[in-house]
Amino acid sequence: MKEARPEFPKNKISATFLEFLAPVLEVMNDPNDEQEAESILMLGCAIWNAVVYADAVGNDKHLAAINEMMTDEPHTRPLIERLIKRKRDRYPYDYRLIGKYKLNTADGDLTLRVEAWSPYPD
């Protein structure tokens, strides 16, 4: 028998992901710097997905890898811990994974397209 899984939220994952990263994006040196934005997106994606795997399917290996990385990069520890807490506090039952994403620049604004993936093997 297949276990009951929570339904995924109906809102766009790109909007949720940008809201999740808002505190980090607000302190960017240059809001139009694609390279800086890409670095933030990669870190945010790793953290979001690690928390989803840990909380939705009980797979802690990705979160453990991030915690190990914090040992080597102590200056990033507060940011990573804040994002982990933010994911769990604000989006506790959003179990969509961040799949492929594409960052675009249009008219001086950065826009984001994101694919939502399921963490559940089918």
C-alpha atoms as a PDB file:
ATOM      1  CA  MET A   1       0.000   0.000   0.000  1.00  0.00           C
ATOM      2  CA  LYS A   2       1.309   3.408  -0.970  1.00  0.00           C
ATOM      3  CA  GLU A   3       1.699   5.824   1.945  1.00  0.00           C
ATOM      4  CA  ALA A   4      -0.193   9.113   1.870  1.00  0.00           C
ATOM      5  CA  ARG A   5       1.949  12.000   0.719  1.00  0.00           C
ATOM      6  CA  PRO A   6       1.157  15.659   1.247  1.00  0.00           C
ATOM      7  CA  GLU A   7      -0.023  17.585  -1.777  1.00  0.00           C
ATOM      8  CA  PHE A   8       2.392  20.059  -3.245  1.00  0.00           C
ATOM      9  CA  PRO A   9       1.477  23.748  -2.911  1.00  0.00           C
ATOM     10  CA  LYS A  10      -0.232  25.323  -5.919  1.00  0.00           C
ATOM     11  CA  ASN A  11       1.857  28.494  -6.019  1.00  0.00           C
ATOM     12  CA  LYS A  12       4.862  28.747  -8.336  1.00  0.00           C
ATOM     13  CA  ILE A  13       8.023  27.251  -6.907  1.00  0.00           C
ATOM     14  CA  SER A  14      10.038  30.113  -8.426  1.00  0.00           C
ATOM     15  CA  ALA A  15       8.100  32.658  -6.349  1.00  0.00           C
ATOM     16  CA  THR A  16       8.456  30.567  -3.189  1.00  0.00           C
ATOM     17  CA  PHE A  17      12.170  30.031  -3.784  1.00  0.00           C
ATOM     18  CA  LEU A  18      12.814  33.750  -4.351  1.00  0.00           C
ATOM     19  CA  GLU A  19      10.866  34.561  -1.186  1.00  0.00           C
ATOM     20  CA  PHE A  20      12.936  31.970   0.690  1.00  0.00           C
ATOM     21  CA  LEU A  21      16.144  33.641  -0.526  1.00  0.00           C
ATOM     22  CA  ALA A  22      14.903  37.225  -0.037  1.00  0.00           C
ATOM     23  CA  PRO A  23      17.078  38.021   3.016  1.00  0.00           C
ATOM     24  CA  VAL A  24      20.192  36.970   1.120  1.00  0.00           C
ATOM     25  CA  LEU A  25      19.234  38.620  -2.160  1.00  0.00           C
ATOM     26  CA  GLU A  26      18.545  41.906  -0.356  1.00  0.00           C
ATOM     27  CA  VAL A  27      22.180  42.223   0.698  1.00  0.00           C
ATOM     28  CA  MET A  28      23.700  41.486  -2.700  1.00  0.00           C
ATOM     29  CA  ASN A  29      26.444  43.907  -3.653  1.00  0.00           C
ATOM     30  CA  ASP A  30      24.902  44.479  -7.089  1.00  0.00           C
ATOM     31  CA  PRO A  31      21.290  43.367  -7.624  1.00  0.00           C
ATOM     32  CA  ASN A  32      22.025  42.837 -11.333  1.00  0.00           C
ATOM     33  CA  ASP A  33      25.197  40.785 -10.860  1.00  0.00           C
ATOM     34  CA  GLU A  34      24.303  37.462 -12.472  1.00  0.00           C
ATOM     35  CA  GLN A  35      27.384  35.685 -11.116  1.00  0.00           C
ATOM     36  CA  GLU A  36      26.622  36.681  -7.514  1.00  0.00           C
ATOM     37  CA  ALA A  37      22.948  35.789  -7.969  1.00  0.00           C
ATOM     38  CA  GLU A  38      23.913  32.408  -9.447  1.00  0.00           C
ATOM     39  CA  SER A  39      26.117  31.658  -6.422  1.00  0.00           C
ATOM     40  CA  ILE A  40      23.267  32.517  -4.077  1.00  0.00           C
ATOM     41  CA  LEU A  41      20.842  30.374  -6.089  1.00  0.00           C
ATOM     42  CA  MET A  42      23.201  27.384  -6.035  1.00  0.00           C
ATOM     43  CA  LEU A  43      23.649  27.633  -2.266  1.00  0.00           C
ATOM     44  CA  GLY A  44      19.926  28.170  -1.698  1.00  0.00           C
ATOM     45  CA  CYS A  45      19.044  25.241  -3.933  1.00  0.00           C
ATOM     46  CA  ALA A  46      21.433  22.931  -2.075  1.00  0.00           C
ATOM     47  CA  ILE A  47      20.010  23.982   1.289  1.00  0.00           C
ATOM     48  CA  TRP A  48      16.342  23.830   0.206  1.00  0.00           C
ATOM     49  CA  ASN A  49      16.753  20.390  -1.357  1.00  0.00           C
ATOM     50  CA  ALA A  50      18.772  19.018   1.569  1.00  0.00           C
ATOM     51  CA  VAL A  51      16.033  20.067   4.011  1.00  0.00           C
ATOM     52  CA  VAL A  52      13.323  18.581   1.755  1.00  0.00           C
ATOM     53  CA  TYR A  53      15.152  15.249   1.547  1.00  0.00           C
ATOM     54  CA  ALA A  54      15.695  15.236   5.326  1.00  0.00           C
ATOM     55  CA  ASP A  55      12.160  16.215   6.295  1.00  0.00           C
ATOM     56  CA  ALA A  56      10.086  14.575   3.548  1.00  0.00           C
ATOM     57  CA  VAL A  57      11.837  11.250   3.081  1.00  0.00           C
ATOM     58  CA  GLY A  58      14.187  10.997   6.070  1.00  0.00           C
ATOM     59  CA  ASN A  59      17.385  11.164   4.015  1.00  0.00           C
ATOM     60  CA  ASP A  60      19.842  13.279   6.024  1.00  0.00           C
ATOM     61  CA  LYS A  61      22.969  12.706   3.919  1.00  0.00           C
ATOM     62  CA  HIS A  62      22.684  16.000   1.994  1.00  0.00           C
ATOM     63  CA  LEU A  63      22.088  18.006   5.156  1.00  0.00           C
ATOM     64  CA  ALA A  64      25.037  16.227   6.792  1.00  0.00           C
ATOM     65  CA  ALA A  65      27.231  17.226   3.837  1.00  0.00           C
ATOM     66  CA  ILE A  66      26.178  20.860   4.225  1.00  0.00           C
ATOM     67  CA  ASN A  67      26.885  20.721   7.956  1.00  0.00           C
ATOM     68  CA  GLU A  68      30.316  19.243   7.213  1.00  0.00           C
ATOM     69  CA  MET A  69      30.955  22.062   4.748  1.00  0.00           C
ATOM     70  CA  MET A  70      30.156  24.561   7.506  1.00  0.00           C
ATOM     71  CA  THR A  71      33.111  23.157   9.453  1.00  0.00           C
ATOM     72  CA  ASP A  72      35.431  24.130   6.596  1.00  0.00           C
ATOM     73  CA  GLU A  73      33.723  27.487   5.982  1.00  0.00           C
ATOM     74  CA  PRO A  74      32.931  28.960   9.427  1.00  0.00           C
ATOM     75  CA  HIS A  75      32.105  32.415   8.012  1.00  0.00           C
ATOM     76  CA  THR A  76      29.152  30.936   6.102  1.00  0.00           C
ATOM     77  CA  ARG A  77      27.768  29.004   9.101  1.00  0.00           C
ATOM     78  CA  PRO A  78      25.320  31.738  10.260  1.00  0.00           C
ATOM     79  CA  LEU A  79      23.913  32.179   6.750  1.00  0.00           C
ATOM     80  CA  ILE A  80      23.454  28.454   6.178  1.00  0.00           C
ATOM     81  CA  GLU A  81      21.911  27.908   9.603  1.00  0.00           C
ATOM     82  CA  ARG A  82      19.558  30.841   8.996  1.00  0.00           C
ATOM     83  CA  LEU A  83      18.418  29.421   5.651  1.00  0.00           C
ATOM     84  CA  ILE A  84      17.885  25.934   7.094  1.00  0.00           C
ATOM     85  CA  LYS A  85      15.788  27.425   9.888  1.00  0.00           C
ATOM     86  CA  ARG A  86      13.926  29.672   7.428  1.00  0.00           C
ATOM     87  CA  LYS A  87      13.008  26.684   5.228  1.00  0.00           C
ATOM     88  CA  ARG A  88      11.711  24.728   8.200  1.00  0.00           C
ATOM     89  CA  ASP A  89       9.874  27.649   9.805  1.00  0.00           C
ATOM     90  CA  ARG A  90       8.267  29.272   6.755  1.00  0.00           C
ATOM     91  CA  TYR A  91       7.843  26.354   4.341  1.00  0.00           C
ATOM     92  CA  PRO A  92       7.678  23.250   6.537  1.00  0.00           C
ATOM     93  CA  TYR A  93       5.392  21.216   4.286  1.00  0.00           C
ATOM     94  CA  ASP A  94       6.614  22.413   0.916  1.00  0.00           C
ATOM     95  CA  TYR A  95       8.325  19.224  -0.176  1.00  0.00           C
ATOM     96  CA  ARG A  96       8.985  20.267  -3.756  1.00  0.00           C
ATOM     97  CA  LEU A  97      12.591  19.948  -4.796  1.00  0.00           C
ATOM     98  CA  ILE A  98      14.245  22.715  -6.737  1.00  0.00           C
ATOM     99  CA  GLY A  99      15.031  21.087 -10.069  1.00  0.00           C
ATOM    100  CA  LYS A 100      16.455  22.811 -13.090  1.00  0.00           C
ATOM    101  CA  TYR A 101      16.452  26.560 -12.905  1.00  0.00           C
ATOM    102  CA  LYS A 102      17.397  29.358 -15.262  1.00  0.00           C
ATOM    103  CA  LEU A 103      18.376  32.848 -14.279  1.00  0.00           C
ATOM    104  CA  ASN A 104      17.608  35.517 -16.886  1.00  0.00           C
ATOM    105  CA  THR A 105      18.305  39.204 -17.155  1.00  0.00           C
ATOM    106  CA  ALA A 106      15.596  41.259 -18.807  1.00  0.00           C
ATOM    107  CA  ASP A 107      15.511  45.058 -18.813  1.00  0.00           C
ATOM    108  CA  GLY A 108      18.009  45.167 -15.941  1.00  0.00           C
ATOM    109  CA  ASP A 109      15.970  42.801 -13.764  1.00  0.00           C
ATOM    110  CA  LEU A 110      16.865  39.260 -12.809  1.00  0.00           C
ATOM    111  CA  THR A 111      14.092  36.730 -13.336  1.00  0.00           C
ATOM    112  CA  LEU A 112      14.024  33.086 -12.410  1.00  0.00           C
ATOM    113  CA  ARG A 113      12.379  30.013 -13.912  1.00  0.00           C
ATOM    114  CA  VAL A 114      12.351  26.893 -11.750  1.00  0.00           C
ATOM    115  CA  GLU A 115      11.188  23.321 -12.238  1.00  0.00           C
ATOM    116  CA  ALA A 116       9.668  21.646  -9.179  1.00  0.00           C
ATOM    117  CA  TRP A 117      10.554  17.989  -8.740  1.00  0.00           C
ATOM    118  CA  SER A 118       9.185  15.380  -6.369  1.00  0.00           C
ATOM    119  CA  PRO A 119      11.464  13.902  -3.696  1.00  0.00           C
ATOM    120  CA  TYR A 120       9.502  10.668  -3.720  1.00  0.00           C
ATOM    121  CA  PRO A 121      10.773   7.822  -5.873  1.00  0.00           C
ATOM    122  CA  ASP A 122       8.073   6.485  -8.147  1.00  0.00           C
END
